[in-house]
Amino acid sequence: MNEFWKKRRWPILGLAVILAAFGWLLFGGLDKNVIFFLTPAELLAKGPDAVDRPVRLGGQVKPGSVQWDEKSLDLRFVITDGAGDVAVHSTGSPPQMFRDGMGVVVEGRVGADSLFRASSLMIKHSNEYRAPAEGQRPQEMYRTLFKDQPK
């Protein structure tokens, strides 16, 4: 038994350390570093459990909800998925194509006051690139990206 332990002590200890580290990542530290993707309805369903946790929130910008102050770079709007609405506050310039009805993904945290404070704002758009046809202006192509606008 003593000879067995001398020969296999380091591999067994190394495996134990690896398993302990994996267990800590899986059950302890990983949930604090993972950013979950939620819809507004899912975020609202979490209630107080969602407060001050990093989240990616995805949905549509509710028409008529955008409030933009160019001087202070203060942007406020509401994200909806049809089943729930979440008020969002962001600082900094929004992406150029940001509009009412546009699909967006915001990353940040919801506060105890139910206001989602976004640290980043991304717009959803088609992943297909198509060059403009002869004589077509790129601005005409943007219409296909916006919901409820004629093509």
Protein backbone atom coordinates (compact mmCIF):
# COMPACT_ATOMS: atom_id res chain seq x y z
CA MET A 1 0.00 0.00 0.00
CA ASN A 2 2.81 2.39 0.83
CA GLU A 3 4.49 1.77 -2.56
CA PHE A 4 1.19 2.38 -4.34
CA TRP A 5 0.76 5.77 -2.61
CA LYS A 6 4.33 6.87 -3.43
CA LYS A 7 3.92 6.16 -7.14
CA ARG A 8 0.44 7.62 -7.60
CA ARG A 9 0.30 10.37 -4.98
CA TRP A 10 0.87 13.34 -7.36
CA PRO A 11 -1.52 12.24 -10.12
CA ILE A 12 -4.25 11.58 -7.54
CA LEU A 13 -3.66 14.93 -5.80
CA GLY A 14 -3.58 16.71 -9.17
CA LEU A 15 -6.89 15.14 -10.17
CA ALA A 16 -8.40 16.13 -6.81
CA VAL A 17 -7.32 19.75 -7.33
CA ILE A 18 -8.77 19.80 -10.87
CA LEU A 19 -12.07 18.33 -9.66
CA ALA A 20 -12.25 20.83 -6.78
CA ALA A 21 -11.60 23.75 -9.16
CA PHE A 22 -14.23 22.47 -11.59
CA GLY A 23 -16.73 22.06 -8.75
CA TRP A 24 -16.09 25.61 -7.55
CA LEU A 25 -16.60 27.00 -11.06
CA LEU A 26 -19.74 24.98 -11.58
CA PHE A 27 -21.43 25.60 -8.24
CA GLY A 28 -19.75 28.66 -6.78
CA GLY A 29 -18.11 31.34 -8.85
CA LEU A 30 -19.49 30.76 -12.33
CA ASP A 31 -23.02 32.03 -11.68
CA LYS A 32 -21.63 35.40 -10.59
CA ASN A 33 -19.75 35.85 -13.86
CA VAL A 34 -22.27 34.51 -16.36
CA ILE A 35 -24.47 36.99 -18.19
CA PHE A 36 -27.89 35.56 -18.93
CA PHE A 37 -29.98 36.57 -21.97
CA LEU A 38 -33.57 37.31 -20.98
CA THR A 39 -36.69 38.81 -22.49
CA PRO A 40 -38.52 41.56 -20.56
CA ALA A 41 -41.19 39.08 -19.40
CA GLU A 42 -38.53 36.68 -18.10
CA LEU A 43 -36.70 39.49 -16.29
CA LEU A 44 -39.90 40.71 -14.66
CA ALA A 45 -40.79 37.14 -13.61
CA LYS A 46 -37.52 36.88 -11.66
CA GLY A 47 -38.63 39.78 -9.45
CA PRO A 48 -36.17 40.69 -6.67
CA ASP A 49 -33.83 37.83 -7.68
CA ALA A 50 -32.87 39.80 -10.81
CA VAL A 51 -31.79 42.94 -8.94
CA ASP A 52 -28.12 43.86 -9.43
CA ARG A 53 -27.25 40.80 -11.52
CA PRO A 54 -25.60 41.15 -14.92
CA VAL A 55 -28.14 40.50 -17.69
CA ARG A 56 -28.50 40.81 -21.45
CA LEU A 57 -32.01 41.99 -22.15
CA GLY A 58 -33.44 41.61 -25.64
CA GLY A 59 -36.60 42.88 -27.26
CA GLN A 60 -38.11 45.70 -29.31
CA VAL A 61 -37.88 49.41 -28.53
CA LYS A 62 -41.43 50.37 -27.62
CA PRO A 63 -42.72 52.99 -30.09
CA GLY A 64 -42.94 56.47 -28.56
CA SER A 65 -40.79 55.61 -25.55
CA VAL A 66 -37.43 57.00 -26.70
CA GLN A 67 -36.21 60.08 -24.81
CA TRP A 68 -32.78 61.30 -25.97
CA ASP A 69 -30.87 64.29 -24.59
CA GLU A 70 -27.94 65.09 -26.90
CA LYS A 71 -26.25 67.44 -24.43
CA SER A 72 -26.03 65.02 -21.50
CA LEU A 73 -25.95 61.88 -23.70
CA ASP A 74 -28.83 60.55 -21.62
CA LEU A 75 -31.01 57.93 -23.35
CA ARG A 76 -34.18 56.47 -21.88
CA PHE A 77 -36.54 54.04 -23.58
CA VAL A 78 -38.69 50.98 -22.95
CA ILE A 79 -37.95 47.46 -24.20
CA THR A 80 -40.91 45.20 -24.81
CA ASP A 81 -41.47 41.63 -25.92
CA GLY A 82 -45.25 41.97 -26.06
CA ALA A 83 -45.65 40.27 -22.69
CA GLY A 84 -43.66 42.69 -20.54
CA ASP A 85 -42.06 46.15 -20.60
CA VAL A 86 -38.80 47.22 -18.96
CA ALA A 87 -37.63 50.85 -18.68
CA VAL A 88 -33.99 51.28 -19.73
CA HIS A 89 -31.50 54.07 -18.99
CA SER A 90 -28.31 54.32 -21.01
CA THR A 91 -25.58 56.92 -21.25
CA GLY A 92 -23.53 57.59 -24.32
CA SER A 93 -24.53 57.90 -27.94
CA PRO A 94 -26.87 55.20 -29.23
CA PRO A 95 -26.01 53.32 -32.43
CA GLN A 96 -26.80 55.28 -35.56
CA MET A 97 -29.67 53.01 -36.63
CA PHE A 98 -31.35 53.03 -33.17
CA ARG A 99 -35.07 53.79 -33.65
CA ASP A 100 -38.56 53.04 -32.31
CA GLY A 101 -39.60 49.48 -33.07
CA MET A 102 -36.00 48.33 -33.61
CA GLY A 103 -34.77 45.08 -32.11
CA VAL A 104 -32.15 45.76 -29.41
CA VAL A 105 -30.01 43.94 -26.90
CA VAL A 106 -28.85 45.83 -23.81
CA GLU A 107 -26.36 44.60 -21.28
CA GLY A 108 -26.46 45.85 -17.71
CA ARG A 109 -28.24 45.47 -14.39
CA VAL A 110 -31.71 46.18 -13.08
CA GLY A 111 -31.90 48.23 -9.89
CA ALA A 112 -34.23 47.93 -6.91
CA ASP A 113 -36.24 50.75 -8.53
CA SER A 114 -36.95 48.43 -11.54
CA LEU A 115 -34.94 50.67 -13.89
CA PHE A 116 -32.53 48.75 -16.12
CA ARG A 117 -29.19 50.56 -16.30
CA ALA A 118 -27.50 49.60 -19.54
CA SER A 119 -23.72 49.51 -19.85
CA SER A 120 -23.91 48.63 -23.55
CA LEU A 121 -26.56 48.91 -26.23
CA MET A 122 -26.58 46.88 -29.44
CA ILE A 123 -29.12 46.83 -32.21
CA LYS A 124 -30.31 43.64 -33.84
CA HIS A 125 -30.10 43.59 -37.57
CA SER A 126 -30.04 41.15 -40.41
CA ASN A 127 -26.85 39.14 -40.73
CA GLU A 128 -27.18 39.02 -44.50
CA TYR A 129 -25.22 41.55 -46.50
CA ARG A 130 -26.57 42.57 -49.85
CA ALA A 131 -24.93 45.24 -51.96
CA PRO A 132 -27.24 47.97 -53.27
CA ALA A 133 -28.60 47.38 -56.74
CA GLU A 134 -27.56 49.68 -59.56
CA GLY A 135 -28.95 53.14 -58.79
CA GLN A 136 -30.31 52.14 -55.33
CA ARG A 137 -29.32 54.30 -52.38
CA PRO A 138 -28.22 52.54 -49.15
CA GLN A 139 -30.79 54.58 -47.19
CA GLU A 140 -33.54 52.79 -49.11
CA MET A 141 -32.16 49.45 -47.97
CA TYR A 142 -32.36 50.50 -44.29
CA ARG A 143 -36.16 50.50 -44.50
CA THR A 144 -36.13 46.70 -44.55
CA LEU A 145 -34.49 46.72 -41.12
CA PHE A 146 -37.26 48.66 -39.39
CA LYS A 147 -40.45 47.03 -38.21
CA ASP A 148 -43.79 48.37 -39.50
CA GLN A 149 -42.29 50.49 -42.29
CA PRO A 150 -43.01 50.02 -45.98
CA LYS A 151 -40.27 48.29 -47.95
